[in-house]
């Protein structure tokens, strides 16, 4: 599976809680006038207040305890790799934004 798919599964509460939501976004059409030749108008999504979301029950594939443990492990991993990147930036000139490694 692609990394992004695994990441979505690990961080999406729907798979663990068994609840997904409908009506989370409000779509607003663009006021732009320079799109005379387009068949469809550009739109933008805005998050609605949580009170307007409609809960839908779906089968949970993993229990809540496992979800909490996964989130804790992800926090540890993120902090570890963030610290690792910072130490690499300090050690290696390549991380300073030059492709040749020279200052």
PDB file of N, CA and C in Angstrom:
ATOM      1  N   UNK A   1       0.838  -1.189   0.000  1.00  0.00           N
ATOM      2  CA  UNK A   1       0.000   0.000   0.000  1.00  0.00           C
ATOM      3  C   UNK A   1       0.870   1.235   0.000  1.00  0.00           C
ATOM      4  N   UNK A   2       0.442   2.302  -0.654  1.00  0.00           N
ATOM      5  CA  UNK A   2       1.226   3.533  -0.622  1.00  0.00           C
ATOM      6  C   UNK A   2       1.297   4.106   0.801  1.00  0.00           C
ATOM      7  N   UNK A   3       2.374   4.821   1.074  1.00  0.00           N
ATOM      8  CA  UNK A   3       2.575   5.408   2.397  1.00  0.00           C
ATOM      9  C   UNK A   3       1.426   6.325   2.783  1.00  0.00           C
ATOM     10  N   UNK A   4       0.924   7.095   1.832  1.00  0.00           N
ATOM     11  CA  UNK A   4      -0.164   8.026   2.142  1.00  0.00           C
ATOM     12  C   UNK A   4      -1.436   7.292   2.559  1.00  0.00           C
ATOM     13  N   UNK A   5      -1.705   6.141   1.960  1.00  0.00           N
ATOM     14  CA  UNK A   5      -2.879   5.355   2.324  1.00  0.00           C
ATOM     15  C   UNK A   5      -2.744   4.831   3.742  1.00  0.00           C
ATOM     16  N   UNK A   6      -1.575   4.306   4.068  1.00  0.00           N
ATOM     17  CA  UNK A   6      -1.339   3.799   5.416  1.00  0.00           C
ATOM     18  C   UNK A   6      -1.456   4.937   6.423  1.00  0.00           C
ATOM     19  N   UNK A   7      -0.898   6.095   6.091  1.00  0.00           N
ATOM     20  CA  UNK A   7      -1.001   7.258   6.977  1.00  0.00           C
ATOM     21  C   UNK A   7      -2.439   7.678   7.192  1.00  0.00           C
ATOM     22  N   UNK A   8      -3.242   7.664   6.133  1.00  0.00           N
ATOM     23  CA  UNK A   8      -4.659   8.005   6.264  1.00  0.00           C
ATOM     24  C   UNK A   8      -5.371   7.026   7.188  1.00  0.00           C
ATOM     25  N   UNK A   9      -5.094   5.752   7.036  1.00  0.00           N
ATOM     26  CA  UNK A   9      -5.737   4.735   7.867  1.00  0.00           C
ATOM     27  C   UNK A   9      -5.343   4.917   9.333  1.00  0.00           C
ATOM     28  N   UNK A  10      -4.062   5.205   9.576  1.00  0.00           N
ATOM     29  CA  UNK A  10      -3.584   5.339  10.950  1.00  0.00           C
ATOM     30  C   UNK A  10      -4.097   6.588  11.649  1.00  0.00           C
ATOM     31  N   UNK A  11      -4.437   7.616  10.902  1.00  0.00           N
ATOM     32  CA  UNK A  11      -4.858   8.868  11.533  1.00  0.00           C
ATOM     33  C   UNK A  11      -6.348   9.176  11.394  1.00  0.00           C
ATOM     34  N   UNK A  12      -7.081   8.407  10.616  1.00  0.00           N
ATOM     35  CA  UNK A  12      -8.500   8.667  10.410  1.00  0.00           C
ATOM     36  C   UNK A  12      -9.321   7.969  11.486  1.00  0.00           C
ATOM     37  N   UNK A  13      -9.974   8.754  12.325  1.00  0.00           N
ATOM     38  CA  UNK A  13     -10.737   8.197  13.437  1.00  0.00           C
ATOM     39  C   UNK A  13     -11.920   7.339  12.986  1.00  0.00           C
ATOM     40  N   UNK A  14     -12.378   7.520  11.775  1.00  0.00           N
ATOM     41  CA  UNK A  14     -13.530   6.745  11.296  1.00  0.00           C
ATOM     42  C   UNK A  14     -13.274   5.250  11.381  1.00  0.00           C
ATOM     43  N   UNK A  15     -12.056   4.824  11.053  1.00  0.00           N
ATOM     44  CA  UNK A  15     -11.742   3.400  11.052  1.00  0.00           C
ATOM     45  C   UNK A  15     -11.746   2.806  12.459  1.00  0.00           C
ATOM     46  N   UNK A  16     -11.559   3.652  13.467  1.00  0.00           N
ATOM     47  CA  UNK A  16     -11.434   3.172  14.833  1.00  0.00           C
ATOM     48  C   UNK A  16     -12.684   3.420  15.654  1.00  0.00           C
ATOM     49  N   UNK A  17     -13.342   4.555  15.410  1.00  0.00           N
ATOM     50  CA  UNK A  17     -14.515   4.899  16.210  1.00  0.00           C
ATOM     51  C   UNK A  17     -15.808   4.374  15.608  1.00  0.00           C
ATOM     52  N   UNK A  18     -15.814   4.145  14.314  1.00  0.00           N
ATOM     53  CA  UNK A  18     -17.027   3.677  13.665  1.00  0.00           C
ATOM     54  C   UNK A  18     -18.013   4.797  13.369  1.00  0.00           C
ATOM     55  N   UNK A  19     -17.539   6.037  13.345  1.00  0.00           N
ATOM     56  CA  UNK A  19     -18.406   7.175  13.045  1.00  0.00           C
ATOM     57  C   UNK A  19     -17.734   8.036  11.982  1.00  0.00           C
ATOM     58  N   UNK A  20     -18.466   8.328  10.919  1.00  0.00           N
ATOM     59  CA  UNK A  20     -18.005   9.282   9.926  1.00  0.00           C
ATOM     60  C   UNK A  20     -19.028  10.407   9.863  1.00  0.00           C
ATOM     61  N   UNK A  21     -18.698  11.484   9.200  1.00  0.00           N
ATOM     62  CA  UNK A  21     -19.588  12.636   9.213  1.00  0.00           C
ATOM     63  C   UNK A  21     -19.901  13.105   7.802  1.00  0.00           C
ATOM     64  N   UNK A  22     -21.158  13.495   7.628  1.00  0.00           N
ATOM     65  CA  UNK A  22     -21.649  14.087   6.391  1.00  0.00           C
ATOM     66  C   UNK A  22     -21.875  15.571   6.668  1.00  0.00           C
ATOM     67  N   UNK A  23     -21.794  16.401   5.647  1.00  0.00           N
ATOM     68  CA  UNK A  23     -22.098  17.825   5.767  1.00  0.00           C
ATOM     69  C   UNK A  23     -20.995  18.593   6.513  1.00  0.00           C
ATOM     70  N   UNK A  24     -19.734  18.150   6.367  1.00  0.00           N
ATOM     71  CA  UNK A  24     -18.632  18.820   7.055  1.00  0.00           C
ATOM     72  C   UNK A  24     -18.214  20.117   6.361  1.00  0.00           C
ATOM     73  N   UNK A  25     -18.456  20.205   5.058  1.00  0.00           N
ATOM     74  CA  UNK A  25     -17.998  21.357   4.297  1.00  0.00           C
ATOM     75  C   UNK A  25     -19.160  22.129   3.688  1.00  0.00           C
ATOM     76  N   UNK A  26     -18.930  23.404   3.499  1.00  0.00           N
ATOM     77  CA  UNK A  26     -19.872  24.274   2.802  1.00  0.00           C
ATOM     78  C   UNK A  26     -19.131  24.751   1.562  1.00  0.00           C
ATOM     79  N   UNK A  27     -19.724  24.560   0.401  1.00  0.00           N
ATOM     80  CA  UNK A  27     -19.074  24.923  -0.863  1.00  0.00           C
ATOM     81  C   UNK A  27     -19.604  26.269  -1.336  1.00  0.00           C
ATOM     82  N   UNK A  28     -18.681  27.156  -1.664  1.00  0.00           N
ATOM     83  CA  UNK A  28     -19.043  28.508  -2.082  1.00  0.00           C
ATOM     84  C   UNK A  28     -18.478  28.760  -3.471  1.00  0.00           C
ATOM     85  N   UNK A  29     -19.314  29.266  -4.364  1.00  0.00           N
ATOM     86  CA  UNK A  29     -18.876  29.570  -5.727  1.00  0.00           C
ATOM     87  C   UNK A  29     -17.997  30.804  -5.760  1.00  0.00           C
ATOM     88  N   UNK A  30     -17.178  30.894  -6.757  1.00  0.00           N
ATOM     89  CA  UNK A  30     -16.250  32.009  -6.903  1.00  0.00           C
ATOM     90  C   UNK A  30     -16.972  33.215  -7.484  1.00  0.00           C
ATOM     91  N   UNK A  31     -16.490  34.384  -7.112  1.00  0.00           N
ATOM     92  CA  UNK A  31     -17.031  35.631  -7.656  1.00  0.00           C
ATOM     93  C   UNK A  31     -16.209  36.134  -8.833  1.00  0.00           C
ATOM     94  N   UNK A  32     -15.237  35.350  -9.269  1.00  0.00           N
ATOM     95  CA  UNK A  32     -14.366  35.780 -10.357  1.00  0.00           C
ATOM     96  C   UNK A  32     -15.152  35.953 -11.651  1.00  0.00           C
ATOM     97  N   UNK A  33     -14.774  36.976 -12.395  1.00  0.00           N
ATOM     98  CA  UNK A  33     -15.465  37.259 -13.663  1.00  0.00           C
ATOM     99  C   UNK A  33     -14.597  36.927 -14.865  1.00  0.00           C
ATOM    100  N   UNK A  34     -13.348  36.487 -14.634  1.00  0.00           N
ATOM    101  CA  UNK A  34     -12.452  36.207 -15.751  1.00  0.00           C
ATOM    102  C   UNK A  34     -12.572  34.778 -16.265  1.00  0.00           C
ATOM    103  N   UNK A  35     -13.612  34.096 -15.896  1.00  0.00           N
ATOM    104  CA  UNK A  35     -13.780  32.704 -16.316  1.00  0.00           C
ATOM    105  C   UNK A  35     -14.959  32.557 -17.274  1.00  0.00           C
ATOM    106  N   UNK A  36     -15.024  33.403 -18.263  1.00  0.00           N
ATOM    107  CA  UNK A  36     -16.174  33.401 -19.163  1.00  0.00           C
ATOM    108  C   UNK A  36     -16.250  32.143 -20.018  1.00  0.00           C
ATOM    109  N   UNK A  37     -15.105  31.477 -20.276  1.00  0.00           N
ATOM    110  CA  UNK A  37     -15.119  30.316 -21.149  1.00  0.00           C
ATOM    111  C   UNK A  37     -15.203  28.991 -20.389  1.00  0.00           C
ATOM    112  N   UNK A  38     -15.214  29.041 -19.091  1.00  0.00           N
ATOM    113  CA  UNK A  38     -15.299  27.804 -18.308  1.00  0.00           C
ATOM    114  C   UNK A  38     -16.747  27.349 -18.185  1.00  0.00           C
ATOM    115  N   UNK A  39     -16.943  26.052 -18.265  1.00  0.00           N
ATOM    116  CA  UNK A  39     -18.290  25.511 -18.125  1.00  0.00           C
ATOM    117  C   UNK A  39     -18.700  25.434 -16.666  1.00  0.00           C
ATOM    118  N   UNK A  40     -17.724  25.210 -15.793  1.00  0.00           N
ATOM    119  CA  UNK A  40     -18.031  25.133 -14.366  1.00  0.00           C
ATOM    120  C   UNK A  40     -17.297  26.244 -13.633  1.00  0.00           C
ATOM    121  N   UNK A  41     -17.891  26.721 -12.567  1.00  0.00           N
ATOM    122  CA  UNK A  41     -17.269  27.766 -11.776  1.00  0.00           C
ATOM    123  C   UNK A  41     -16.375  27.148 -10.721  1.00  0.00           C
ATOM    124  N   UNK A  42     -15.322  27.845 -10.397  1.00  0.00           N
ATOM    125  CA  UNK A  42     -14.461  27.380  -9.316  1.00  0.00           C
ATOM    126  C   UNK A  42     -15.214  27.543  -8.006  1.00  0.00           C
ATOM    127  N   UNK A  43     -14.997  26.609  -7.104  1.00  0.00           N
ATOM    128  CA  UNK A  43     -15.636  26.683  -5.802  1.00  0.00           C
ATOM    129  C   UNK A  43     -14.581  26.506  -4.719  1.00  0.00           C
ATOM    130  N   UNK A  44     -14.956  26.855  -3.502  1.00  0.00           N
ATOM    131  CA  UNK A  44     -14.061  26.700  -2.369  1.00  0.00           C
ATOM    132  C   UNK A  44     -14.835  26.070  -1.222  1.00  0.00           C
ATOM    133  N   UNK A  45     -14.169  25.189  -0.484  1.00  0.00           N
ATOM    134  CA  UNK A  45     -14.802  24.511   0.638  1.00  0.00           C
ATOM    135  C   UNK A  45     -14.436  25.209   1.939  1.00  0.00           C
ATOM    136  N   UNK A  46     -15.414  25.414   2.778  1.00  0.00           N
ATOM    137  CA  UNK A  46     -15.217  25.944   4.118  1.00  0.00           C
ATOM    138  C   UNK A  46     -15.758  24.927   5.113  1.00  0.00           C
ATOM    139  N   UNK A  47     -15.063  24.741   6.217  1.00  0.00           N
ATOM    140  CA  UNK A  47     -15.537  23.818   7.246  1.00  0.00           C
ATOM    141  C   UNK A  47     -16.769  24.405   7.926  1.00  0.00           C
ATOM    142  N   UNK A  48     -17.779  23.568   8.104  1.00  0.00           N
ATOM    143  CA  UNK A  48     -18.961  23.976   8.850  1.00  0.00           C
ATOM    144  C   UNK A  48     -18.695  23.788  10.341  1.00  0.00           C
ATOM    145  N   UNK A  49     -19.456  24.443  11.200  1.00  0.00           N
ATOM    146  CA  UNK A  49     -19.334  24.179  12.636  1.00  0.00           C
ATOM    147  C   UNK A  49     -19.684  22.713  12.926  1.00  0.00           C
ATOM    148  N   UNK A  50     -19.023  22.120  13.906  1.00  0.00           N
ATOM    149  CA  UNK A  50     -19.215  20.698  14.215  1.00  0.00           C
ATOM    150  C   UNK A  50     -20.683  20.368  14.541  1.00  0.00           C
ATOM    151  N   UNK A  51     -21.410  21.332  15.049  1.00  0.00           N
ATOM    152  CA  UNK A  51     -22.824  21.098  15.383  1.00  0.00           C
ATOM    153  C   UNK A  51     -23.668  20.788  14.147  1.00  0.00           C
ATOM    154  N   UNK A  52     -23.201  21.219  12.969  1.00  0.00           N
ATOM    155  CA  UNK A  52     -23.947  20.991  11.727  1.00  0.00           C
ATOM    156  C   UNK A  52     -23.593  19.662  11.059  1.00  0.00           C
ATOM    157  N   UNK A  53     -22.535  18.999  11.524  1.00  0.00           N
ATOM    158  CA  UNK A  53     -22.145  17.720  10.940  1.00  0.00           C
ATOM    159  C   UNK A  53     -23.187  16.662  11.275  1.00  0.00           C
ATOM    160  N   UNK A  54     -23.387  15.739  10.361  1.00  0.00           N
ATOM    161  CA  UNK A  54     -24.343  14.645  10.563  1.00  0.00           C
ATOM    162  C   UNK A  54     -23.550  13.351  10.732  1.00  0.00           C
ATOM    163  N   UNK A  55     -23.684  12.739  11.909  1.00  0.00           N
ATOM    164  CA  UNK A  55     -22.932  11.518  12.217  1.00  0.00           C
ATOM    165  C   UNK A  55     -23.560  10.314  11.518  1.00  0.00           C
ATOM    166  N   UNK A  56     -22.709   9.468  10.951  1.00  0.00           N
ATOM    167  CA  UNK A  56     -23.146   8.246  10.284  1.00  0.00           C
ATOM    168  C   UNK A  56     -22.348   7.084  10.874  1.00  0.00           C
ATOM    169  N   UNK A  57     -23.026   6.080  11.369  1.00  0.00           N
ATOM    170  CA  UNK A  57     -22.366   4.911  11.948  1.00  0.00           C
ATOM    171  C   UNK A  57     -21.858   4.000  10.833  1.00  0.00           C
ATOM    172  N   UNK A  58     -20.592   3.606  10.946  1.00  0.00           N
ATOM    173  CA  UNK A  58     -19.972   2.661  10.020  1.00  0.00           C
ATOM    174  C   UNK A  58     -19.259   1.611  10.853  1.00  0.00           C
ATOM    175  N   UNK A  59     -18.950   0.451  10.286  1.00  0.00           N
ATOM    176  CA  UNK A  59     -18.259  -0.576  11.074  1.00  0.00           C
ATOM    177  C   UNK A  59     -16.848  -0.103  11.471  1.00  0.00           C
ATOM    178  N   UNK A  60     -16.542  -0.237  12.748  1.00  0.00           N
ATOM    179  CA  UNK A  60     -15.189   0.078  13.226  1.00  0.00           C
ATOM    180  C   UNK A  60     -14.308  -1.134  12.948  1.00  0.00           C
ATOM    181  N   UNK A  61     -13.113  -0.908  12.413  1.00  0.00           N
ATOM    182  CA  UNK A  61     -12.252  -2.042  12.087  1.00  0.00           C
ATOM    183  C   UNK A  61     -11.190  -2.292  13.155  1.00  0.00           C
ATOM    184  N   UNK A  62     -10.976  -1.308  14.034  1.00  0.00           N
ATOM    185  CA  UNK A  62     -10.003  -1.473  15.114  1.00  0.00           C
ATOM    186  C   UNK A  62     -10.581  -0.815  16.365  1.00  0.00           C
ATOM    187  N   UNK A  63     -10.314  -1.395  17.530  1.00  0.00           N
ATOM    188  CA  UNK A  63     -10.880  -0.869  18.769  1.00  0.00           C
ATOM    189  C   UNK A  63     -10.211   0.451  19.180  1.00  0.00           C
ATOM    190  N   UNK A  64     -10.869   1.177  20.075  1.00  0.00           N
ATOM    191  CA  UNK A  64     -10.414   2.494  20.511  1.00  0.00           C
ATOM    192  C   UNK A  64      -9.048   2.429  21.199  1.00  0.00           C
ATOM    193  N   UNK A  65      -8.783   1.409  21.979  1.00  0.00           N
ATOM    194  CA  UNK A  65      -7.505   1.276  22.682  1.00  0.00           C
ATOM    195  C   UNK A  65      -6.333   1.226  21.691  1.00  0.00           C
ATOM    196  N   UNK A  66      -6.512   0.461  20.622  1.00  0.00           N
ATOM    197  CA  UNK A  66      -5.472   0.369  19.602  1.00  0.00           C
ATOM    198  C   UNK A  66      -5.264   1.724  18.929  1.00  0.00           C
ATOM    199  N   UNK A  67      -6.353   2.435  18.666  1.00  0.00           N
ATOM    200  CA  UNK A  67      -6.258   3.758  18.058  1.00  0.00           C
ATOM    201  C   UNK A  67      -5.427   4.697  18.931  1.00  0.00           C
ATOM    202  N   UNK A  68      -5.685   4.695  20.233  1.00  0.00           N
ATOM    203  CA  UNK A  68      -4.941   5.560  21.152  1.00  0.00           C
ATOM    204  C   UNK A  68      -3.461   5.181  21.154  1.00  0.00           C
ATOM    205  N   UNK A  69      -3.158   3.897  21.171  1.00  0.00           N
ATOM    206  CA  UNK A  69      -1.759   3.456  21.153  1.00  0.00           C
ATOM    207  C   UNK A  69      -1.064   3.870  19.855  1.00  0.00           C
ATOM    208  N   UNK A  70      -1.763   3.767  18.744  1.00  0.00           N
ATOM    209  CA  UNK A  70      -1.190   4.178  17.450  1.00  0.00           C
ATOM    210  C   UNK A  70      -0.893   5.675  17.461  1.00  0.00           C
ATOM    211  N   UNK A  71      -1.814   6.487  17.992  1.00  0.00           N
ATOM    212  CA  UNK A  71      -1.596   7.924  18.034  1.00  0.00           C
ATOM    213  C   UNK A  71      -0.383   8.270  18.907  1.00  0.00           C
ATOM    214  N   UNK A  72      -0.223   7.565  20.028  1.00  0.00           N
ATOM    215  CA  UNK A  72       0.941   7.791  20.894  1.00  0.00           C
ATOM    216  C   UNK A  72       2.230   7.435  20.158  1.00  0.00           C
ATOM    217  N   UNK A  73       2.231   6.318  19.444  1.00  0.00           N
ATOM    218  CA  UNK A  73       3.414   5.911  18.701  1.00  0.00           C
ATOM    219  C   UNK A  73       3.730   6.895  17.579  1.00  0.00           C
ATOM    220  N   UNK A  74       2.708   7.398  16.904  1.00  0.00           N
ATOM    221  CA  UNK A  74       2.928   8.384  15.850  1.00  0.00           C
ATOM    222  C   UNK A  74       3.564   9.659  16.413  1.00  0.00           C
ATOM    223  N   UNK A  75       3.102  10.095  17.599  1.00  0.00           N
ATOM    224  CA  UNK A  75       3.701  11.274  18.227  1.00  0.00           C
ATOM    225  C   UNK A  75       5.174  11.048  18.513  1.00  0.00           C
ATOM    226  N   UNK A  76       5.503   9.867  19.046  1.00  0.00           N
ATOM    227  CA  UNK A  76       6.901   9.543  19.326  1.00  0.00           C
ATOM    228  C   UNK A  76       7.716   9.546  18.039  1.00  0.00           C
ATOM    229  N   UNK A  77       7.190   8.938  17.000  1.00  0.00           N
ATOM    230  CA  UNK A  77       7.913   8.862  15.724  1.00  0.00           C
ATOM    231  C   UNK A  77       8.135  10.241  15.125  1.00  0.00           C
ATOM    232  N   UNK A  78       7.111  11.075  15.168  1.00  0.00           N
ATOM    233  CA  UNK A  78       7.228  12.416  14.605  1.00  0.00           C
ATOM    234  C   UNK A  78       8.286  13.211  15.363  1.00  0.00           C
ATOM    235  N   UNK A  79       8.263  13.135  16.695  1.00  0.00           N
ATOM    236  CA  UNK A  79       9.253  13.894  17.461  1.00  0.00           C
ATOM    237  C   UNK A  79      10.654  13.332  17.226  1.00  0.00           C
ATOM    238  N   UNK A  80      10.788  12.016  17.098  1.00  0.00           N
ATOM    239  CA  UNK A  80      12.091  11.407  16.836  1.00  0.00           C
ATOM    240  C   UNK A  80      12.639  11.877  15.500  1.00  0.00           C
ATOM    241  N   UNK A  81      11.833  11.791  14.448  1.00  0.00           N
ATOM    242  CA  UNK A  81      12.313  12.159  13.123  1.00  0.00           C
ATOM    243  C   UNK A  81      12.513  13.657  12.983  1.00  0.00           C
ATOM    244  N   UNK A  82      11.743  14.451  13.706  1.00  0.00           N
ATOM    245  CA  UNK A  82      11.966  15.903  13.694  1.00  0.00           C
ATOM    246  C   UNK A  82      13.312  16.225  14.319  1.00  0.00           C
ATOM    247  N   UNK A  83      13.624  15.572  15.446  1.00  0.00           N
ATOM    248  CA  UNK A  83      14.919  15.781  16.101  1.00  0.00           C
ATOM    249  C   UNK A  83      16.050  15.278  15.213  1.00  0.00           C
ATOM    250  N   UNK A  84      15.844  14.146  14.543  1.00  0.00           N
ATOM    251  CA  UNK A  84      16.859  13.583  13.658  1.00  0.00           C
ATOM    252  C   UNK A  84      17.146  14.545  12.508  1.00  0.00           C
ATOM    253  N   UNK A  85      16.106  15.119  11.924  1.00  0.00           N
ATOM    254  CA  UNK A  85      16.282  16.059  10.819  1.00  0.00           C
ATOM    255  C   UNK A  85      17.047  17.284  11.296  1.00  0.00           C
ATOM    256  N   UNK A  86      16.703  17.785  12.497  1.00  0.00           N
ATOM    257  CA  UNK A  86      17.391  18.947  13.039  1.00  0.00           C
ATOM    258  C   UNK A  86      18.872  18.657  13.229  1.00  0.00           C
ATOM    259  N   UNK A  87      19.203  17.478  13.748  1.00  0.00           N
ATOM    260  CA  UNK A  87      20.614  17.145  13.955  1.00  0.00           C
ATOM    261  C   UNK A  87      21.333  16.985  12.616  1.00  0.00           C
ATOM    262  N   UNK A  88      20.662  16.453  11.608  1.00  0.00           N
ATOM    263  CA  UNK A  88      21.259  16.327  10.289  1.00  0.00           C
ATOM    264  C   UNK A  88      21.499  17.703   9.665  1.00  0.00           C
ATOM    265  N   UNK A  89      20.573  18.615   9.887  1.00  0.00           N
ATOM    266  CA  UNK A  89      20.734  19.968   9.362  1.00  0.00           C
ATOM    267  C   UNK A  89      21.964  20.636   9.964  1.00  0.00           C
ATOM    268  N   UNK A  90      22.204  20.393  11.238  1.00  0.00           N
ATOM    269  CA  UNK A  90      23.355  20.990  11.906  1.00  0.00           C
ATOM    270  C   UNK A  90      24.665  20.366  11.432  1.00  0.00           C
ATOM    271  N   UNK A  91      24.656  19.063  11.145  1.00  0.00           N
ATOM    272  CA  UNK A  91      25.870  18.351  10.761  1.00  0.00           C
ATOM    273  C   UNK A  91      26.241  18.532   9.298  1.00  0.00           C
ATOM    274  N   UNK A  92      25.267  18.518   8.432  1.00  0.00           N
ATOM    275  CA  UNK A  92      25.531  18.473   7.002  1.00  0.00           C
ATOM    276  C   UNK A  92      25.212  19.800   6.327  1.00  0.00           C
ATOM    277  N   UNK A  93      26.139  20.342   5.553  1.00  0.00           N
ATOM    278  CA  UNK A  93      25.843  21.575   4.813  1.00  0.00           C
ATOM    279  C   UNK A  93      24.784  21.379   3.734  1.00  0.00           C
ATOM    280  N   UNK A  94      24.575  20.156   3.278  1.00  0.00           N
ATOM    281  CA  UNK A  94      23.545  19.917   2.246  1.00  0.00           C
ATOM    282  C   UNK A  94      22.162  20.323   2.729  1.00  0.00           C
ATOM    283  N   UNK A  95      21.931  20.202   4.011  1.00  0.00           N
ATOM    284  CA  UNK A  95      20.616  20.531   4.550  1.00  0.00           C
ATOM    285  C   UNK A  95      20.420  22.032   4.687  1.00  0.00           C
ATOM    286  N   UNK A  96      21.428  22.818   4.397  1.00  0.00           N
ATOM    287  CA  UNK A  96      21.318  24.261   4.566  1.00  0.00           C
ATOM    288  C   UNK A  96      20.748  24.960   3.353  1.00  0.00           C
ATOM    289  N   UNK A  97      20.311  24.221   2.382  1.00  0.00           N
ATOM    290  CA  UNK A  97      19.654  24.830   1.234  1.00  0.00           C
ATOM    291  C   UNK A  97      20.527  24.965   0.014  1.00  0.00           C
ATOM    292  N   UNK A  98      21.749  24.475   0.058  1.00  0.00           N
ATOM    293  CA  UNK A  98      22.591  24.511  -1.136  1.00  0.00           C
ATOM    294  C   UNK A  98      22.733  23.100  -1.669  1.00  0.00           C
ATOM    295  N   UNK A  99      22.617  22.955  -2.959  1.00  0.00           N
ATOM    296  CA  UNK A  99      22.689  21.619  -3.542  1.00  0.00           C
ATOM    297  C   UNK A  99      24.116  21.092  -3.607  1.00  0.00           C
ATOM    298  N   UNK A 100      25.105  21.982  -3.619  1.00  0.00           N
ATOM    299  CA  UNK A 100      26.483  21.531  -3.739  1.00  0.00           C
ATOM    300  C   UNK A 100      27.095  21.169  -2.388  1.00  0.00           C
ATOM    301  N   UNK A 101      26.461  21.582  -1.308  1.00  0.00           N
ATOM    302  CA  UNK A 101      27.006  21.306   0.008  1.00  0.00           C
ATOM    303  C   UNK A 101      27.980  22.376   0.450  1.00  0.00           C
ATOM    304  N   UNK A 102      28.158  23.419  -0.352  1.00  0.00           N
ATOM    305  CA  UNK A 102      29.063  24.509   0.013  1.00  0.00           C
ATOM    306  C   UNK A 102      28.260  25.684   0.535  1.00  0.00           C
ATOM    307  N   UNK A 103      28.798  26.386   1.529  1.00  0.00           N
ATOM    308  CA  UNK A 103      28.059  27.558   2.072  1.00  0.00           C
ATOM    309  C   UNK A 103      27.962  28.688   1.081  1.00  0.00           C
TER     310      UNK A 103
END
